[in-house]
N, C-alpha and C. Protein backbone atom coordinates (compact mmCIF):
# COMPACT_ATOMS: atom_id res chain seq x y z
N UNK A 1 113.77 107.26 127.49
CA UNK A 1 113.93 107.55 126.09
C UNK A 1 114.92 106.56 125.49
N UNK A 2 114.74 106.34 124.20
CA UNK A 2 115.62 105.43 123.47
C UNK A 2 115.76 105.93 122.04
N UNK A 3 116.88 105.60 121.43
CA UNK A 3 117.11 106.00 120.04
C UNK A 3 116.71 104.85 119.13
N UNK A 4 115.88 105.17 118.15
CA UNK A 4 115.42 104.19 117.17
C UNK A 4 115.84 104.68 115.79
N UNK A 5 116.32 103.74 114.97
CA UNK A 5 116.61 104.04 113.57
C UNK A 5 115.52 103.39 112.75
N UNK A 6 114.78 104.20 112.04
CA UNK A 6 113.62 103.74 111.29
C UNK A 6 113.84 103.94 109.80
N UNK A 7 113.32 103.02 109.00
CA UNK A 7 113.36 103.14 107.55
C UNK A 7 112.02 103.72 107.11
N UNK A 8 112.02 105.03 106.87
CA UNK A 8 110.78 105.73 106.53
C UNK A 8 110.91 106.36 105.15
N UNK A 9 110.02 105.96 104.25
CA UNK A 9 110.01 106.48 102.89
C UNK A 9 111.36 106.34 102.22
N UNK A 10 112.02 105.22 102.49
CA UNK A 10 113.29 104.91 101.86
C UNK A 10 114.51 105.58 102.47
N UNK A 11 114.33 106.27 103.58
CA UNK A 11 115.44 106.94 104.25
C UNK A 11 115.56 106.46 105.69
N UNK A 12 116.78 106.36 106.16
CA UNK A 12 117.01 106.03 107.56
C UNK A 12 116.81 107.30 108.40
N UNK A 13 115.96 107.20 109.41
CA UNK A 13 115.67 108.33 110.29
C UNK A 13 115.91 107.90 111.73
N UNK A 14 116.60 108.72 112.50
CA UNK A 14 116.84 108.45 113.92
C UNK A 14 115.92 109.32 114.76
N UNK A 15 115.30 108.69 115.74
CA UNK A 15 114.46 109.43 116.68
C UNK A 15 114.80 108.99 118.09
N UNK A 16 114.72 109.91 119.03
CA UNK A 16 114.97 109.63 120.44
C UNK A 16 113.65 109.87 121.17
N UNK A 17 112.92 108.78 121.40
CA UNK A 17 111.58 108.88 121.98
C UNK A 17 111.36 107.74 122.97
N UNK A 18 110.29 107.87 123.74
CA UNK A 18 109.88 106.79 124.62
C UNK A 18 109.49 105.59 123.75
N UNK A 19 109.91 104.37 124.11
CA UNK A 19 109.61 103.19 123.28
C UNK A 19 108.12 102.95 123.05
N UNK A 20 107.27 103.45 123.91
CA UNK A 20 105.83 103.23 123.74
C UNK A 20 105.15 104.28 122.86
N UNK A 21 105.90 105.26 122.39
CA UNK A 21 105.32 106.32 121.56
C UNK A 21 104.73 105.73 120.29
N UNK A 22 103.46 106.02 120.01
CA UNK A 22 102.86 105.52 118.76
C UNK A 22 103.56 106.12 117.53
N UNK A 23 103.65 105.34 116.48
CA UNK A 23 104.28 105.79 115.25
C UNK A 23 103.64 107.07 114.72
N UNK A 24 102.34 107.23 114.89
CA UNK A 24 101.67 108.45 114.44
C UNK A 24 102.39 109.69 114.97
N UNK A 25 102.71 109.68 116.26
CA UNK A 25 103.31 110.85 116.89
C UNK A 25 104.79 110.96 116.54
N UNK A 26 105.45 109.85 116.31
CA UNK A 26 106.84 109.90 115.83
C UNK A 26 106.86 110.58 114.47
N UNK A 27 105.96 110.14 113.59
CA UNK A 27 105.90 110.72 112.25
C UNK A 27 105.58 112.20 112.29
N UNK A 28 104.53 112.56 113.01
CA UNK A 28 104.06 113.94 113.00
C UNK A 28 104.94 114.87 113.83
N UNK A 29 105.24 114.49 115.06
CA UNK A 29 105.92 115.41 115.98
C UNK A 29 107.44 115.38 115.87
N UNK A 30 108.00 114.22 115.62
CA UNK A 30 109.46 114.10 115.58
C UNK A 30 110.01 114.30 114.17
N UNK A 31 109.32 113.77 113.16
CA UNK A 31 109.83 113.80 111.79
C UNK A 31 109.10 114.81 110.91
N UNK A 32 108.06 115.43 111.43
CA UNK A 32 107.29 116.47 110.73
C UNK A 32 106.69 115.98 109.42
N UNK A 33 106.32 114.71 109.40
CA UNK A 33 105.58 114.12 108.28
C UNK A 33 104.11 114.15 108.68
N UNK A 34 103.44 115.24 108.36
CA UNK A 34 102.10 115.50 108.89
C UNK A 34 100.97 115.05 107.98
N UNK A 35 101.27 114.35 106.90
CA UNK A 35 100.22 113.83 106.03
C UNK A 35 99.40 112.75 106.70
N UNK A 36 100.02 112.00 107.59
CA UNK A 36 99.32 110.98 108.37
C UNK A 36 98.55 111.70 109.46
N UNK A 37 97.25 111.49 109.52
CA UNK A 37 96.40 112.27 110.41
C UNK A 37 95.99 111.52 111.67
N UNK A 38 95.73 112.26 112.73
CA UNK A 38 95.12 111.74 113.94
C UNK A 38 93.61 111.84 113.78
N UNK A 39 92.94 110.73 113.98
CA UNK A 39 91.48 110.74 113.89
C UNK A 39 90.87 110.38 115.23
N UNK A 40 90.95 109.10 115.58
CA UNK A 40 90.28 108.62 116.78
C UNK A 40 91.24 108.21 117.90
N UNK A 41 92.44 107.82 117.55
CA UNK A 41 93.41 107.38 118.55
C UNK A 41 93.24 105.95 119.01
N UNK A 42 92.24 105.24 118.48
CA UNK A 42 92.01 103.85 118.89
C UNK A 42 91.98 102.88 117.70
N UNK A 43 92.59 103.29 116.59
CA UNK A 43 92.75 102.45 115.40
C UNK A 43 91.42 102.02 114.77
N UNK A 44 90.42 102.89 114.85
CA UNK A 44 89.12 102.55 114.30
C UNK A 44 88.72 103.35 113.07
N UNK A 45 89.33 104.52 112.84
CA UNK A 45 88.86 105.39 111.76
C UNK A 45 89.69 105.31 110.49
N UNK A 46 90.96 104.95 110.59
CA UNK A 46 91.81 104.80 109.41
C UNK A 46 92.56 106.04 108.98
N UNK A 47 92.35 107.19 109.62
CA UNK A 47 93.03 108.41 109.20
C UNK A 47 94.55 108.30 109.34
N UNK A 48 95.01 107.46 110.23
CA UNK A 48 96.44 107.34 110.53
C UNK A 48 97.11 106.19 109.78
N UNK A 49 96.49 105.67 108.74
CA UNK A 49 97.01 104.50 108.03
C UNK A 49 98.32 104.79 107.32
N UNK A 50 99.28 103.90 107.54
CA UNK A 50 100.58 103.92 106.87
C UNK A 50 100.83 102.51 106.34
N UNK A 51 101.90 102.32 105.61
CA UNK A 51 102.30 100.98 105.18
C UNK A 51 103.50 100.54 106.00
N UNK A 52 103.45 99.30 106.46
CA UNK A 52 104.59 98.66 107.11
C UNK A 52 104.87 97.42 106.29
N UNK A 53 106.00 97.43 105.61
CA UNK A 53 106.35 96.37 104.65
C UNK A 53 105.22 96.14 103.65
N UNK A 54 104.58 97.23 103.21
CA UNK A 54 103.55 97.17 102.19
C UNK A 54 102.14 96.92 102.68
N UNK A 55 101.99 96.58 103.95
CA UNK A 55 100.66 96.33 104.51
C UNK A 55 100.13 97.58 105.20
N UNK A 56 98.85 97.86 104.98
CA UNK A 56 98.21 99.01 105.62
C UNK A 56 98.01 98.72 107.10
N UNK A 57 98.51 99.62 107.95
CA UNK A 57 98.34 99.48 109.40
C UNK A 57 97.99 100.84 109.99
N UNK A 58 97.36 100.82 111.15
CA UNK A 58 97.00 102.04 111.86
C UNK A 58 98.17 102.46 112.74
N UNK A 59 98.69 103.63 112.50
CA UNK A 59 99.89 104.08 113.22
C UNK A 59 99.61 104.62 114.61
N UNK A 60 98.36 104.92 114.93
CA UNK A 60 98.06 105.52 116.24
C UNK A 60 98.20 104.54 117.39
N UNK A 61 98.19 103.26 117.10
CA UNK A 61 98.31 102.24 118.14
C UNK A 61 99.55 101.37 117.95
N UNK A 62 100.48 101.82 117.11
CA UNK A 62 101.66 101.04 116.76
C UNK A 62 102.88 101.65 117.45
N UNK A 63 103.39 101.01 118.51
CA UNK A 63 104.53 101.60 119.22
C UNK A 63 105.80 101.58 118.37
N UNK A 64 106.55 102.65 118.48
CA UNK A 64 107.80 102.77 117.72
C UNK A 64 108.74 101.60 118.02
N UNK A 65 108.68 101.07 119.21
CA UNK A 65 109.57 99.96 119.60
C UNK A 65 109.30 98.68 118.82
N UNK A 66 108.17 98.59 118.15
CA UNK A 66 107.84 97.38 117.39
C UNK A 66 108.27 97.46 115.92
N UNK A 67 108.88 98.56 115.52
CA UNK A 67 109.17 98.78 114.11
C UNK A 67 110.42 98.06 113.60
N UNK A 68 111.42 97.85 114.42
CA UNK A 68 112.61 97.12 113.99
C UNK A 68 113.12 97.60 112.65
N UNK A 69 113.33 96.66 111.72
CA UNK A 69 113.86 96.97 110.39
C UNK A 69 112.77 97.07 109.33
N UNK A 70 111.51 97.15 109.73
CA UNK A 70 110.43 97.23 108.76
C UNK A 70 110.56 98.47 107.89
N UNK A 71 110.06 98.35 106.67
CA UNK A 71 110.01 99.48 105.75
C UNK A 71 108.68 100.20 105.97
N UNK A 72 108.75 101.45 106.36
CA UNK A 72 107.57 102.26 106.67
C UNK A 72 107.36 103.25 105.53
N UNK A 73 106.13 103.31 105.04
CA UNK A 73 105.79 104.28 103.99
C UNK A 73 104.61 105.11 104.46
N UNK A 74 104.77 106.41 104.35
CA UNK A 74 103.68 107.34 104.67
C UNK A 74 103.12 107.88 103.36
N UNK A 75 102.08 108.67 103.44
CA UNK A 75 101.49 109.26 102.24
C UNK A 75 102.53 110.09 101.50
N UNK A 76 103.45 110.71 102.23
CA UNK A 76 104.49 111.51 101.59
C UNK A 76 105.44 110.65 100.75
N UNK A 77 105.57 109.38 101.12
CA UNK A 77 106.49 108.49 100.42
C UNK A 77 105.82 107.58 99.40
N UNK A 78 104.50 107.68 99.26
CA UNK A 78 103.79 106.80 98.33
C UNK A 78 104.24 107.04 96.90
N UNK A 79 104.45 108.30 96.54
CA UNK A 79 104.98 108.64 95.21
C UNK A 79 105.68 109.98 95.32
N UNK A 80 106.63 110.18 94.45
CA UNK A 80 107.42 111.41 94.52
C UNK A 80 106.63 112.65 94.11
N UNK A 81 105.76 112.51 93.12
CA UNK A 81 105.04 113.66 92.58
C UNK A 81 103.53 113.51 92.65
N UNK A 82 103.04 112.79 93.63
CA UNK A 82 101.61 112.52 93.76
C UNK A 82 101.04 111.90 92.49
N UNK A 83 101.85 111.02 91.88
CA UNK A 83 101.41 110.39 90.63
C UNK A 83 101.19 108.89 90.76
N UNK A 84 101.01 108.43 91.97
CA UNK A 84 100.63 107.03 92.18
C UNK A 84 99.26 106.84 91.52
N UNK A 85 98.99 105.69 90.91
CA UNK A 85 97.69 105.48 90.27
C UNK A 85 96.49 105.79 91.16
N UNK A 86 96.59 105.48 92.44
CA UNK A 86 95.47 105.77 93.35
C UNK A 86 95.31 107.28 93.51
N UNK A 87 96.40 107.99 93.66
CA UNK A 87 96.31 109.44 93.81
C UNK A 87 95.73 110.09 92.56
N UNK A 88 96.15 109.63 91.41
CA UNK A 88 95.61 110.18 90.16
C UNK A 88 94.12 109.86 90.02
N UNK A 89 93.73 108.65 90.36
CA UNK A 89 92.31 108.27 90.28
C UNK A 89 91.48 109.07 91.28
N UNK A 90 92.05 109.35 92.45
CA UNK A 90 91.35 110.16 93.46
C UNK A 90 90.97 111.51 92.88
N UNK A 91 91.90 112.12 92.16
CA UNK A 91 91.64 113.43 91.55
C UNK A 91 90.64 113.30 90.40
N UNK A 92 90.81 112.26 89.60
CA UNK A 92 89.91 112.05 88.46
C UNK A 92 88.46 111.92 88.92
N UNK A 93 88.25 111.26 90.05
CA UNK A 93 86.88 111.04 90.55
C UNK A 93 86.46 112.09 91.57
N UNK A 94 87.29 113.12 91.76
CA UNK A 94 86.97 114.21 92.68
C UNK A 94 86.55 113.66 94.05
N UNK A 95 87.37 112.73 94.58
CA UNK A 95 87.02 112.07 95.83
C UNK A 95 87.06 113.02 97.03
N UNK A 96 88.13 113.80 97.22
CA UNK A 96 88.22 114.58 98.46
C UNK A 96 87.16 115.67 98.58
N UNK A 97 86.62 115.78 99.76
CA UNK A 97 85.78 116.94 100.07
C UNK A 97 86.53 117.70 101.16
N UNK A 98 86.34 117.32 102.42
CA UNK A 98 87.13 118.01 103.45
C UNK A 98 88.58 117.55 103.41
N UNK A 99 88.81 116.33 102.96
CA UNK A 99 90.16 115.82 102.76
C UNK A 99 90.82 115.18 103.96
N UNK A 100 90.23 115.30 105.12
CA UNK A 100 90.91 114.84 106.33
C UNK A 100 91.26 113.36 106.30
N UNK A 101 90.38 112.52 105.83
CA UNK A 101 90.60 111.07 105.85
C UNK A 101 91.36 110.57 104.64
N UNK A 102 91.61 111.43 103.66
CA UNK A 102 92.07 110.97 102.36
C UNK A 102 93.42 110.28 102.38
N UNK A 103 94.38 110.74 103.16
CA UNK A 103 95.68 110.06 103.20
C UNK A 103 95.51 108.61 103.65
N UNK A 104 94.72 108.40 104.69
CA UNK A 104 94.47 107.04 105.17
C UNK A 104 93.71 106.21 104.15
N UNK A 105 92.74 106.82 103.49
CA UNK A 105 91.97 106.12 102.46
C UNK A 105 92.91 105.69 101.32
N UNK A 106 93.74 106.61 100.87
CA UNK A 106 94.66 106.34 99.76
C UNK A 106 95.65 105.25 100.15
N UNK A 107 96.17 105.30 101.36
CA UNK A 107 97.14 104.29 101.79
C UNK A 107 96.48 102.91 101.86
N UNK A 108 95.25 102.83 102.34
CA UNK A 108 94.54 101.55 102.38
C UNK A 108 94.29 101.03 100.97
N UNK A 109 93.87 101.91 100.07
CA UNK A 109 93.58 101.53 98.69
C UNK A 109 94.86 101.06 97.98
N UNK A 110 95.96 101.77 98.18
CA UNK A 110 97.22 101.40 97.53
C UNK A 110 97.70 100.03 98.02
N UNK A 111 97.54 99.75 99.29
CA UNK A 111 97.93 98.44 99.83
C UNK A 111 97.05 97.34 99.23
N UNK A 112 95.75 97.62 99.12
CA UNK A 112 94.83 96.65 98.51
C UNK A 112 95.27 96.33 97.09
N UNK A 113 95.56 97.35 96.29
CA UNK A 113 95.91 97.12 94.89
C UNK A 113 97.26 96.44 94.74
N UNK A 114 98.12 96.62 95.71
CA UNK A 114 99.43 95.94 95.66
C UNK A 114 99.24 94.43 95.83
N UNK A 115 98.33 94.03 96.71
CA UNK A 115 98.13 92.59 96.95
C UNK A 115 97.06 91.99 96.05
N UNK A 116 96.18 92.83 95.52
CA UNK A 116 95.11 92.36 94.64
C UNK A 116 94.91 93.39 93.53
N UNK A 117 95.67 93.28 92.44
CA UNK A 117 95.66 94.30 91.39
C UNK A 117 94.31 94.53 90.72
N UNK A 118 93.42 93.56 90.77
CA UNK A 118 92.10 93.72 90.16
C UNK A 118 91.04 93.27 91.17
N UNK A 119 90.84 94.06 92.24
CA UNK A 119 89.96 93.62 93.32
C UNK A 119 88.49 93.61 92.94
N UNK A 120 87.78 92.67 93.52
CA UNK A 120 86.31 92.61 93.35
C UNK A 120 85.66 93.70 94.21
N UNK A 121 84.40 93.96 93.97
CA UNK A 121 83.66 94.91 94.79
C UNK A 121 83.72 94.51 96.26
N UNK A 122 83.61 93.22 96.51
CA UNK A 122 83.63 92.73 97.89
C UNK A 122 84.99 92.98 98.54
N UNK A 123 86.08 92.78 97.79
CA UNK A 123 87.42 93.04 98.34
C UNK A 123 87.59 94.53 98.66
N UNK A 124 87.13 95.37 97.76
CA UNK A 124 87.23 96.82 97.99
C UNK A 124 86.44 97.20 99.24
N UNK A 125 85.21 96.75 99.32
CA UNK A 125 84.36 97.10 100.46
C UNK A 125 84.92 96.56 101.76
N UNK A 126 85.43 95.34 101.74
CA UNK A 126 86.00 94.74 102.94
C UNK A 126 87.25 95.50 103.40
N UNK A 127 88.12 95.81 102.47
CA UNK A 127 89.36 96.51 102.81
C UNK A 127 89.09 97.92 103.29
N UNK A 128 88.22 98.62 102.61
CA UNK A 128 87.99 100.03 102.92
C UNK A 128 87.00 100.24 104.06
N UNK A 129 86.37 99.19 104.51
CA UNK A 129 85.37 99.26 105.56
C UNK A 129 85.87 99.97 106.82
N UNK A 130 87.13 99.82 107.16
CA UNK A 130 87.67 100.41 108.38
C UNK A 130 88.09 101.85 108.24
N UNK A 131 87.93 102.45 107.07
CA UNK A 131 88.29 103.84 106.87
C UNK A 131 87.01 104.68 106.83
N UNK A 132 86.90 105.57 107.78
CA UNK A 132 85.70 106.38 107.91
C UNK A 132 85.88 107.71 107.19
N UNK A 133 84.88 108.07 106.39
CA UNK A 133 84.86 109.34 105.67
C UNK A 133 83.66 110.13 106.18
N UNK A 134 83.93 111.22 106.86
CA UNK A 134 82.85 112.03 107.41
C UNK A 134 81.96 112.62 106.32
N UNK A 135 82.54 112.83 105.14
CA UNK A 135 81.81 113.45 104.03
C UNK A 135 81.01 112.44 103.22
N UNK A 136 81.24 111.16 103.45
CA UNK A 136 80.46 110.13 102.77
C UNK A 136 80.80 109.92 101.31
N UNK A 137 82.07 110.02 100.95
CA UNK A 137 82.46 109.87 99.54
C UNK A 137 82.74 108.41 99.16
N UNK A 138 82.11 107.50 99.82
CA UNK A 138 82.40 106.08 99.62
C UNK A 138 82.19 105.60 98.18
N UNK A 139 81.17 106.09 97.51
CA UNK A 139 80.91 105.69 96.13
C UNK A 139 82.05 106.14 95.22
N UNK A 140 82.52 107.37 95.42
CA UNK A 140 83.63 107.88 94.61
C UNK A 140 84.94 107.17 94.95
N UNK A 141 85.13 106.82 96.23
CA UNK A 141 86.32 106.07 96.63
C UNK A 141 86.37 104.74 95.90
N UNK A 142 85.25 104.04 95.90
CA UNK A 142 85.18 102.74 95.22
C UNK A 142 85.45 102.90 93.73
N UNK A 143 84.87 103.90 93.10
CA UNK A 143 85.09 104.13 91.66
C UNK A 143 86.55 104.47 91.39
N UNK A 144 87.17 105.25 92.26
CA UNK A 144 88.58 105.61 92.07
C UNK A 144 89.48 104.39 92.20
N UNK A 145 89.17 103.49 93.12
CA UNK A 145 89.96 102.28 93.27
C UNK A 145 89.84 101.43 92.01
N UNK A 146 88.65 101.33 91.47
CA UNK A 146 88.46 100.56 90.23
C UNK A 146 89.24 101.20 89.07
N UNK A 147 89.24 102.52 89.00
CA UNK A 147 90.01 103.21 87.96
C UNK A 147 91.50 102.96 88.15
N UNK A 148 91.99 103.08 89.38
CA UNK A 148 93.41 102.85 89.66
C UNK A 148 93.80 101.41 89.32
N UNK A 149 92.90 100.47 89.54
CA UNK A 149 93.18 99.08 89.22
C UNK A 149 93.37 98.90 87.72
N UNK A 150 92.70 99.71 86.93
CA UNK A 150 92.80 99.61 85.48
C UNK A 150 94.02 100.29 84.89
N UNK A 151 94.75 101.03 85.70
CA UNK A 151 95.93 101.78 85.20
C UNK A 151 97.18 100.93 85.26
């Protein structure tokens, strides 16, 4: 075990875990930030997406020992009152059905809009391609991203 000090959602958090522990489990089990979901465990579905220095990454395969001084943002830290443009657009377009993948979808979309404020259809499709939605709300996801880009 080792003690790590992590910058999560703008706060310093200390955890005492095995250095190989994936960030997903640090967030969920140690810090009780359960908005980040476990989907596949092999970084293929996107349910566990968080931001590391603003970039969308899969937390299920990201060891806590690799975090250093990076700024980590979870869905809980994306906005204080769920009023991030992507979150508002998600509601406007009634994107969630079962909701399981939505935190990862939103985190990927928010990262896309941060680096490309007015993304093309191709950029949206390329970025969101790695996020799997069991309910098939891909058309609404794309429309919500376009709406968020306009805000």
